[in-house]
Amino acid sequence: MIYSIIEAAATITDFIFIIWYIPRFLSVKFYEKGVISKLPIPIALLVFEFLVDKLLPGFDILVMVIMFVAVAVYALLICRKKYFKALFASISYILIIMFFGSIVYMVMSAILGDKASTLQGAQSVPRIIYLVICKLSEFAVYLLLLFMFGKTGSLNRKGGVFFLIYLVLTIAGLVTVTVISANDEKGTFDLTVLIITAVLTLSLFFVFFFVHRLMEMQKKEFEYSFIEEKISADKMILEESNAA
């Protein structure tokens, strides 16, 4: 049961990336009326992905074309006439989804050697961790693109670099856990491995939330300080004017 849930969660994560990455790259708020009204498009794409996973396992060029069209339509409808950025966001989203799973698989296969077959098993712990690593790697690339184009909001350079380093270390830890799990043919450590995977993944998003909130607080503190300084300066000018 848990394996089916993880596979479904991987597909749902692709949907989450759409409604997080595309609006943020285009500098629009997800909760705005115009954006929410277009939500049926990525929802339909999510349903389409689930059907494809059941009926046509694996990637197919026609499937990817349909996905790109759906994502591009969604981006163009919410882009506020920034059509080039909308197309770039759509293309980058699809390319990352298409290639990063393969890239991660190639790297993991090189590390695992003759145990690489465990990554393809529909019901294996290494397969679960592999999916988690894939989605975290995709998240890292999306975040890096947003960071490069200044679309991370209050997350500044120092906070962004810190989080990306933590993310890379988390992925490295998950790779280590995958190696342990792949070599544990009897499944003795399956539960322990799954717990460690969950803890590492949850800690990553806790750190992301913490860093993001910290940067927001620092930004507000800077804005308040600026306003106070401006008020003090205006008050001084007024006092000097009255004294004259």
C-alpha atoms as a PDB file:
ATOM      1  CA  MET A   1       0.000   0.000   0.000  1.00  0.00           C
ATOM      2  CA  ILE A   2       2.764   2.419   0.972  1.00  0.00           C
ATOM      3  CA  TYR A   3       4.480   1.905  -2.383  1.00  0.00           C
ATOM      4  CA  SER A   4       1.369   2.913  -4.322  1.00  0.00           C
ATOM      5  CA  ILE A   5       0.977   5.977  -2.100  1.00  0.00           C
ATOM      6  CA  ILE A   6       4.577   7.066  -2.737  1.00  0.00           C
ATOM      7  CA  GLU A   7       4.200   6.602  -6.504  1.00  0.00           C
ATOM      8  CA  ALA A   8       1.007   8.684  -6.418  1.00  0.00           C
ATOM      9  CA  ALA A   9       2.723  11.301  -4.239  1.00  0.00           C
ATOM     10  CA  ALA A  10       5.485  11.638  -6.846  1.00  0.00           C
ATOM     11  CA  THR A  11       2.874  12.472  -9.491  1.00  0.00           C
ATOM     12  CA  ILE A  12       1.102  14.914  -7.159  1.00  0.00           C
ATOM     13  CA  THR A  13       4.461  16.593  -6.521  1.00  0.00           C
ATOM     14  CA  ASP A  14       4.683  17.406 -10.237  1.00  0.00           C
ATOM     15  CA  PHE A  15       1.311  19.161  -9.892  1.00  0.00           C
ATOM     16  CA  ILE A  16       2.559  21.082  -6.829  1.00  0.00           C
ATOM     17  CA  PHE A  17       5.626  22.191  -8.777  1.00  0.00           C
ATOM     18  CA  ILE A  18       3.332  23.647 -11.466  1.00  0.00           C
ATOM     19  CA  ILE A  19       1.229  25.738  -9.105  1.00  0.00           C
ATOM     20  CA  TRP A  20       4.317  26.817  -7.119  1.00  0.00           C
ATOM     21  CA  TYR A  21       7.041  27.332  -9.724  1.00  0.00           C
ATOM     22  CA  ILE A  22       5.060  28.779 -12.663  1.00  0.00           C
ATOM     23  CA  PRO A  23       3.233  31.587 -10.761  1.00  0.00           C
ATOM     24  CA  ARG A  24       6.336  32.485  -8.739  1.00  0.00           C
ATOM     25  CA  PHE A  25       8.522  32.683 -11.847  1.00  0.00           C
ATOM     26  CA  LEU A  26       5.909  34.952 -13.448  1.00  0.00           C
ATOM     27  CA  SER A  27       5.676  37.109 -10.284  1.00  0.00           C
ATOM     28  CA  VAL A  28       1.973  36.436  -9.694  1.00  0.00           C
ATOM     29  CA  LYS A  29       0.347  35.278  -6.478  1.00  0.00           C
ATOM     30  CA  PHE A  30      -1.186  31.820  -6.566  1.00  0.00           C
ATOM     31  CA  TYR A  31      -4.151  32.925  -4.447  1.00  0.00           C
ATOM     32  CA  GLU A  32      -5.088  35.766  -6.824  1.00  0.00           C
ATOM     33  CA  LYS A  33      -8.512  35.353  -8.415  1.00  0.00           C
ATOM     34  CA  GLY A  34      -7.185  35.178 -11.978  1.00  0.00           C
ATOM     35  CA  VAL A  35      -4.667  32.460 -11.062  1.00  0.00           C
ATOM     36  CA  ILE A  36      -7.039  30.328  -9.014  1.00  0.00           C
ATOM     37  CA  SER A  37      -9.655  30.429 -11.783  1.00  0.00           C
ATOM     38  CA  LYS A  38      -7.133  28.725 -14.110  1.00  0.00           C
ATOM     39  CA  LEU A  39      -6.435  25.928 -11.606  1.00  0.00           C
ATOM     40  CA  PRO A  40      -8.596  23.362 -13.508  1.00  0.00           C
ATOM     41  CA  ILE A  41      -5.850  23.208 -16.175  1.00  0.00           C
ATOM     42  CA  PRO A  42      -3.097  21.772 -13.919  1.00  0.00           C
ATOM     43  CA  ILE A  43      -5.726  19.642 -12.137  1.00  0.00           C
ATOM     44  CA  ALA A  44      -6.705  18.125 -15.501  1.00  0.00           C
ATOM     45  CA  LEU A  45      -3.005  17.559 -16.181  1.00  0.00           C
ATOM     46  CA  LEU A  46      -2.681  15.757 -12.838  1.00  0.00           C
ATOM     47  CA  VAL A  47      -5.555  13.433 -13.742  1.00  0.00           C
ATOM     48  CA  PHE A  48      -3.954  12.892 -17.148  1.00  0.00           C
ATOM     49  CA  GLU A  49      -0.643  11.911 -15.500  1.00  0.00           C
ATOM     50  CA  PHE A  50      -2.393   9.395 -13.252  1.00  0.00           C
ATOM     51  CA  LEU A  51      -4.127   7.827 -16.256  1.00  0.00           C
ATOM     52  CA  VAL A  52      -0.869   7.669 -18.201  1.00  0.00           C
ATOM     53  CA  ASP A  53       0.916   6.009 -15.267  1.00  0.00           C
ATOM     54  CA  LYS A  54      -1.781   3.321 -15.272  1.00  0.00           C
ATOM     55  CA  LEU A  55      -2.299   2.852 -19.009  1.00  0.00           C
ATOM     56  CA  LEU A  56       1.042   3.894 -20.544  1.00  0.00           C
ATOM     57  CA  PRO A  57       3.855   3.440 -18.002  1.00  0.00           C
ATOM     58  CA  GLY A  58       7.017   5.386 -18.758  1.00  0.00           C
ATOM     59  CA  PHE A  59       7.609   8.555 -20.751  1.00  0.00           C
ATOM     60  CA  ASP A  60       6.327   8.961 -24.267  1.00  0.00           C
ATOM     61  CA  ILE A  61       7.018  11.917 -26.566  1.00  0.00           C
ATOM     62  CA  LEU A  62       3.312  12.450 -27.219  1.00  0.00           C
ATOM     63  CA  VAL A  63       2.619  12.491 -23.479  1.00  0.00           C
ATOM     64  CA  MET A  64       5.338  15.095 -22.913  1.00  0.00           C
ATOM     65  CA  VAL A  65       4.002  17.253 -25.753  1.00  0.00           C
ATOM     66  CA  ILE A  66       0.516  17.178 -24.212  1.00  0.00           C
ATOM     67  CA  MET A  67       1.973  18.042 -20.809  1.00  0.00           C
ATOM     68  CA  PHE A  68       3.938  20.947 -22.284  1.00  0.00           C
ATOM     69  CA  VAL A  69       0.869  22.317 -24.064  1.00  0.00           C
ATOM     70  CA  ALA A  70      -1.171  22.162 -20.846  1.00  0.00           C
ATOM     71  CA  VAL A  71       1.550  23.831 -18.763  1.00  0.00           C
ATOM     72  CA  ALA A  72       2.164  26.483 -21.447  1.00  0.00           C
ATOM     73  CA  VAL A  73      -1.564  27.296 -21.662  1.00  0.00           C
ATOM     74  CA  TYR A  74      -1.707  27.654 -17.874  1.00  0.00           C
ATOM     75  CA  ALA A  75       1.387  29.894 -17.842  1.00  0.00           C
ATOM     76  CA  LEU A  76       0.196  32.078 -20.739  1.00  0.00           C
ATOM     77  CA  LEU A  77      -3.199  32.592 -19.118  1.00  0.00           C
ATOM     78  CA  ILE A  78      -1.700  33.931 -15.878  1.00  0.00           C
ATOM     79  CA  CYS A  79       1.415  35.665 -17.228  1.00  0.00           C
ATOM     80  CA  ARG A  80       0.056  39.259 -17.463  1.00  0.00           C
ATOM     81  CA  LYS A  81       1.342  39.607 -21.035  1.00  0.00           C
ATOM     82  CA  LYS A  82       4.839  38.365 -20.137  1.00  0.00           C
ATOM     83  CA  TYR A  83       4.603  35.742 -22.861  1.00  0.00           C
ATOM     84  CA  PHE A  84       8.322  35.047 -23.276  1.00  0.00           C
ATOM     85  CA  LYS A  85       8.721  34.432 -19.542  1.00  0.00           C
ATOM     86  CA  ALA A  86       5.643  32.204 -19.586  1.00  0.00           C
ATOM     87  CA  LEU A  87       7.094  30.060 -22.373  1.00  0.00           C
ATOM     88  CA  PHE A  88      10.499  29.914 -20.651  1.00  0.00           C
ATOM     89  CA  ALA A  89       8.863  28.828 -17.387  1.00  0.00           C
ATOM     90  CA  SER A  90       6.861  26.136 -19.223  1.00  0.00           C
ATOM     91  CA  ILE A  91       9.853  24.819 -21.159  1.00  0.00           C
ATOM     92  CA  SER A  92      12.106  24.757 -18.088  1.00  0.00           C
ATOM     93  CA  TYR A  93       9.419  22.938 -16.096  1.00  0.00           C
ATOM     94  CA  ILE A  94       8.998  20.209 -18.727  1.00  0.00           C
ATOM     95  CA  LEU A  95      12.735  19.780 -19.370  1.00  0.00           C
ATOM     96  CA  ILE A  96      13.443  19.339 -15.666  1.00  0.00           C
ATOM     97  CA  ILE A  97      10.610  16.820 -15.294  1.00  0.00           C
ATOM     98  CA  MET A  98      11.798  14.958 -18.406  1.00  0.00           C
ATOM     99  CA  PHE A  99      15.516  14.747 -17.772  1.00  0.00           C
ATOM    100  CA  PHE A 100      16.186  14.899 -14.045  1.00  0.00           C
ATOM    101  CA  GLY A 101      14.640  11.522 -13.340  1.00  0.00           C
ATOM    102  CA  SER A 102      16.996  10.011 -15.927  1.00  0.00           C
ATOM    103  CA  ILE A 103      19.997  11.965 -14.634  1.00  0.00           C
ATOM    104  CA  VAL A 104      19.376  10.892 -11.047  1.00  0.00           C
ATOM    105  CA  TYR A 105      18.874   7.302 -12.204  1.00  0.00           C
ATOM    106  CA  MET A 106      22.182   7.319 -14.092  1.00  0.00           C
ATOM    107  CA  VAL A 107      24.052   8.686 -11.064  1.00  0.00           C
ATOM    108  CA  MET A 108      22.376   6.251  -8.686  1.00  0.00           C
ATOM    109  CA  SER A 109      23.042   3.322 -11.047  1.00  0.00           C
ATOM    110  CA  ALA A 110      26.720   4.219 -11.140  1.00  0.00           C
ATOM    111  CA  ILE A 111      26.797   4.298  -7.335  1.00  0.00           C
ATOM    112  CA  LEU A 112      24.790   1.091  -6.776  1.00  0.00           C
ATOM    113  CA  GLY A 113      26.350  -0.963  -9.549  1.00  0.00           C
ATOM    114  CA  ASP A 114      24.687  -4.382  -9.822  1.00  0.00           C
ATOM    115  CA  LYS A 115      22.087  -3.291  -7.221  1.00  0.00           C
ATOM    116  CA  ALA A 116      20.687  -0.628  -9.552  1.00  0.00           C
ATOM    117  CA  SER A 117      17.793  -2.911 -10.516  1.00  0.00           C
ATOM    118  CA  THR A 118      16.242  -2.196  -7.095  1.00  0.00           C
ATOM    119  CA  LEU A 119      15.498   1.360  -8.274  1.00  0.00           C
ATOM    120  CA  GLN A 120      13.075   0.054 -10.893  1.00  0.00           C
ATOM    121  CA  GLY A 121      11.116  -2.277  -8.657  1.00  0.00           C
ATOM    122  CA  ALA A 122       7.568  -1.058  -8.144  1.00  0.00           C
ATOM    123  CA  GLN A 123       7.673  -2.313  -4.545  1.00  0.00           C
ATOM    124  CA  SER A 124      11.101  -1.675  -3.073  1.00  0.00           C
ATOM    125  CA  VAL A 125      12.451   0.731  -0.461  1.00  0.00           C
ATOM    126  CA  PRO A 126      15.327   1.906  -2.717  1.00  0.00           C
ATOM    127  CA  ARG A 127      12.683   2.805  -5.321  1.00  0.00           C
ATOM    128  CA  ILE A 128      10.881   4.986  -2.758  1.00  0.00           C
ATOM    129  CA  ILE A 129      14.077   6.813  -1.795  1.00  0.00           C
ATOM    130  CA  TYR A 130      14.981   7.213  -5.465  1.00  0.00           C
ATOM    131  CA  LEU A 131      11.645   8.949  -6.120  1.00  0.00           C
ATOM    132  CA  VAL A 132      12.215  11.237  -3.127  1.00  0.00           C
ATOM    133  CA  ILE A 133      15.705  12.109  -4.399  1.00  0.00           C
ATOM    134  CA  CYS A 134      14.306  12.817  -7.882  1.00  0.00           C
ATOM    135  CA  LYS A 135      11.689  15.229  -6.576  1.00  0.00           C
ATOM    136  CA  LEU A 136      14.110  16.962  -4.213  1.00  0.00           C
ATOM    137  CA  SER A 137      16.602  17.345  -7.074  1.00  0.00           C
ATOM    138  CA  GLU A 138      13.894  18.860  -9.267  1.00  0.00           C
ATOM    139  CA  PHE A 139      12.899  21.177  -6.417  1.00  0.00           C
ATOM    140  CA  ALA A 140      16.535  22.253  -6.071  1.00  0.00           C
ATOM    141  CA  VAL A 141      16.766  23.140  -9.777  1.00  0.00           C
ATOM    142  CA  TYR A 142      13.470  25.031  -9.745  1.00  0.00           C
ATOM    143  CA  LEU A 143      14.601  26.950  -6.679  1.00  0.00           C
ATOM    144  CA  LEU A 144      17.967  27.671  -8.306  1.00  0.00           C
ATOM    145  CA  LEU A 145      16.229  29.080 -11.399  1.00  0.00           C
ATOM    146  CA  LEU A 146      13.998  31.261  -9.244  1.00  0.00           C
ATOM    147  CA  PHE A 147      17.060  32.381  -7.306  1.00  0.00           C
ATOM    148  CA  MET A 148      18.959  33.234 -10.505  1.00  0.00           C
ATOM    149  CA  PHE A 149      16.060  35.335 -11.820  1.00  0.00           C
ATOM    150  CA  GLY A 150      15.412  37.042  -8.482  1.00  0.00           C
ATOM    151  CA  LYS A 151      12.020  35.376  -7.968  1.00  0.00           C
ATOM    152  CA  THR A 152      12.525  33.954  -4.477  1.00  0.00           C
ATOM    153  CA  GLY A 153      10.782  36.827  -2.704  1.00  0.00           C
ATOM    154  CA  SER A 154      12.282  37.571   0.684  1.00  0.00           C
ATOM    155  CA  LEU A 155      14.805  34.724   0.425  1.00  0.00           C
ATOM    156  CA  ASN A 156      18.107  36.585  -0.067  1.00  0.00           C
ATOM    157  CA  ARG A 157      21.422  35.301  -1.369  1.00  0.00           C
ATOM    158  CA  LYS A 158      22.771  34.186   1.998  1.00  0.00           C
ATOM    159  CA  GLY A 159      19.568  32.363   2.933  1.00  0.00           C
ATOM    160  CA  GLY A 160      19.268  30.819  -0.534  1.00  0.00           C
ATOM    161  CA  VAL A 161      22.843  29.528  -0.538  1.00  0.00           C
ATOM    162  CA  PHE A 162      22.437  28.103   2.979  1.00  0.00           C
ATOM    163  CA  PHE A 163      19.260  26.265   2.019  1.00  0.00           C
ATOM    164  CA  LEU A 164      20.703  24.902  -1.240  1.00  0.00           C
ATOM    165  CA  ILE A 165      23.734  23.578   0.656  1.00  0.00           C
ATOM    166  CA  TYR A 166      21.432  21.930   3.203  1.00  0.00           C
ATOM    167  CA  LEU A 167      19.376  20.464   0.349  1.00  0.00           C
ATOM    168  CA  VAL A 168      22.481  18.994  -1.316  1.00  0.00           C
ATOM    169  CA  LEU A 169      23.594  17.487   2.008  1.00  0.00           C
ATOM    170  CA  THR A 170      20.103  16.019   2.489  1.00  0.00           C
ATOM    171  CA  ILE A 171      20.229  14.417  -0.968  1.00  0.00           C
ATOM    172  CA  ALA A 172      23.706  13.035  -0.176  1.00  0.00           C
ATOM    173  CA  GLY A 173      22.294  11.530   3.033  1.00  0.00           C
ATOM    174  CA  LEU A 174      19.420   9.971   1.097  1.00  0.00           C
ATOM    175  CA  VAL A 175      21.854   8.486  -1.431  1.00  0.00           C
ATOM    176  CA  THR A 176      23.773   6.899   1.454  1.00  0.00           C
ATOM    177  CA  VAL A 177      20.543   5.478   2.875  1.00  0.00           C
ATOM    178  CA  THR A 178      19.667   4.117  -0.592  1.00  0.00           C
ATOM    179  CA  VAL A 179      22.996   2.266  -0.753  1.00  0.00           C
ATOM    180  CA  ILE A 180      22.340   0.737   2.674  1.00  0.00           C
ATOM    181  CA  SER A 181      18.828  -0.289   1.677  1.00  0.00           C
ATOM    182  CA  ALA A 182      19.897  -1.748  -1.684  1.00  0.00           C
ATOM    183  CA  ASN A 183      22.477  -3.948   0.024  1.00  0.00           C
ATOM    184  CA  ASP A 184      20.012  -5.061   2.709  1.00  0.00           C
ATOM    185  CA  GLU A 185      18.550  -7.953   0.732  1.00  0.00           C
ATOM    186  CA  LYS A 186      16.609  -9.338   3.713  1.00  0.00           C
ATOM    187  CA  GLY A 187      14.902  -6.005   4.369  1.00  0.00           C
ATOM    188  CA  THR A 188      16.113  -5.917   7.982  1.00  0.00           C
ATOM    189  CA  PHE A 189      16.480  -2.147   8.009  1.00  0.00           C
ATOM    190  CA  ASP A 190      13.496  -1.242   5.800  1.00  0.00           C
ATOM    191  CA  LEU A 191      11.530   0.474   8.561  1.00  0.00           C
ATOM    192  CA  THR A 192      14.591   2.306   9.881  1.00  0.00           C
ATOM    193  CA  VAL A 193      15.507   3.456   6.380  1.00  0.00           C
ATOM    194  CA  LEU A 194      11.983   4.745   5.725  1.00  0.00           C
ATOM    195  CA  ILE A 195      11.978   6.650   9.028  1.00  0.00           C
ATOM    196  CA  ILE A 196      15.357   8.225   8.249  1.00  0.00           C
ATOM    197  CA  THR A 197      14.117   9.176   4.770  1.00  0.00           C
ATOM    198  CA  ALA A 198      10.996  10.798   6.228  1.00  0.00           C
ATOM    199  CA  VAL A 199      12.997  12.674   8.876  1.00  0.00           C
ATOM    200  CA  LEU A 200      15.537  13.992   6.364  1.00  0.00           C
ATOM    201  CA  THR A 201      12.806  15.101   3.939  1.00  0.00           C
ATOM    202  CA  LEU A 202      10.671  16.772   6.601  1.00  0.00           C
ATOM    203  CA  SER A 203      13.691  18.491   8.137  1.00  0.00           C
ATOM    204  CA  LEU A 204      14.510  19.950   4.729  1.00  0.00           C
ATOM    205  CA  PHE A 205      11.110  21.611   4.390  1.00  0.00           C
ATOM    206  CA  PHE A 206      11.244  22.748   8.016  1.00  0.00           C
ATOM    207  CA  VAL A 207      14.581  24.454   7.303  1.00  0.00           C
ATOM    208  CA  PHE A 208      13.139  25.998   4.116  1.00  0.00           C
ATOM    209  CA  PHE A 209      10.165  27.387   6.039  1.00  0.00           C
ATOM    210  CA  PHE A 210      12.407  28.617   8.887  1.00  0.00           C
ATOM    211  CA  VAL A 211      14.874  30.367   6.553  1.00  0.00           C
ATOM    212  CA  HIS A 212      12.051  31.890   4.518  1.00  0.00           C
ATOM    213  CA  ARG A 213      10.312  33.231   7.636  1.00  0.00           C
ATOM    214  CA  LEU A 214      13.591  34.539   9.031  1.00  0.00           C
ATOM    215  CA  MET A 215      14.298  36.424   5.808  1.00  0.00           C
ATOM    216  CA  GLU A 216      10.769  37.859   5.837  1.00  0.00           C
ATOM    217  CA  MET A 217      11.230  39.092   9.407  1.00  0.00           C
ATOM    218  CA  GLN A 218      14.578  40.681   8.549  1.00  0.00           C
ATOM    219  CA  LYS A 219      13.036  42.360   5.512  1.00  0.00           C
ATOM    220  CA  LYS A 220      10.177  43.778   7.588  1.00  0.00           C
ATOM    221  CA  GLU A 221      12.613  44.894  10.262  1.00  0.00           C
ATOM    222  CA  PHE A 222      14.654  46.730   7.635  1.00  0.00           C
ATOM    223  CA  GLU A 223      11.503  48.361   6.228  1.00  0.00           C
ATOM    224  CA  TYR A 224      10.410  49.483   9.705  1.00  0.00           C
ATOM    225  CA  SER A 225      13.878  50.904  10.397  1.00  0.00           C
ATOM    226  CA  PHE A 226      13.799  52.790   7.116  1.00  0.00           C
ATOM    227  CA  ILE A 227      10.367  54.240   7.898  1.00  0.00           C
ATOM    228  CA  GLU A 228      11.489  55.276  11.400  1.00  0.00           C
ATOM    229  CA  GLU A 229      14.595  56.972   9.996  1.00  0.00           C
ATOM    230  CA  LYS A 230      12.498  58.801   7.411  1.00  0.00           C
ATOM    231  CA  ILE A 231      10.039  59.955  10.080  1.00  0.00           C
ATOM    232  CA  SER A 232      12.920  61.159  12.269  1.00  0.00           C
ATOM    233  CA  ALA A 233      14.490  63.006   9.335  1.00  0.00           C
ATOM    234  CA  ASP A 234      11.166  64.632   8.404  1.00  0.00           C
ATOM    235  CA  LYS A 235      10.594  65.600  12.029  1.00  0.00           C
ATOM    236  CA  MET A 236      14.037  67.196  12.236  1.00  0.00           C
ATOM    237  CA  ILE A 237      13.433  69.161   9.036  1.00  0.00           C
ATOM    238  CA  LEU A 238      10.086  70.347  10.391  1.00  0.00           C
ATOM    239  CA  GLU A 239      11.632  71.426  13.694  1.00  0.00           C
ATOM    240  CA  GLU A 240      14.403  73.326  11.892  1.00  0.00           C
ATOM    241  CA  SER A 241      11.803  74.975   9.666  1.00  0.00           C
ATOM    242  CA  ASN A 242       9.745  76.079  12.708  1.00  0.00           C
ATOM    243  CA  ALA A 243      12.859  77.348  14.502  1.00  0.00           C
ATOM    244  CA  ALA A 244      13.739  79.520  11.510  1.00  0.00           C
END
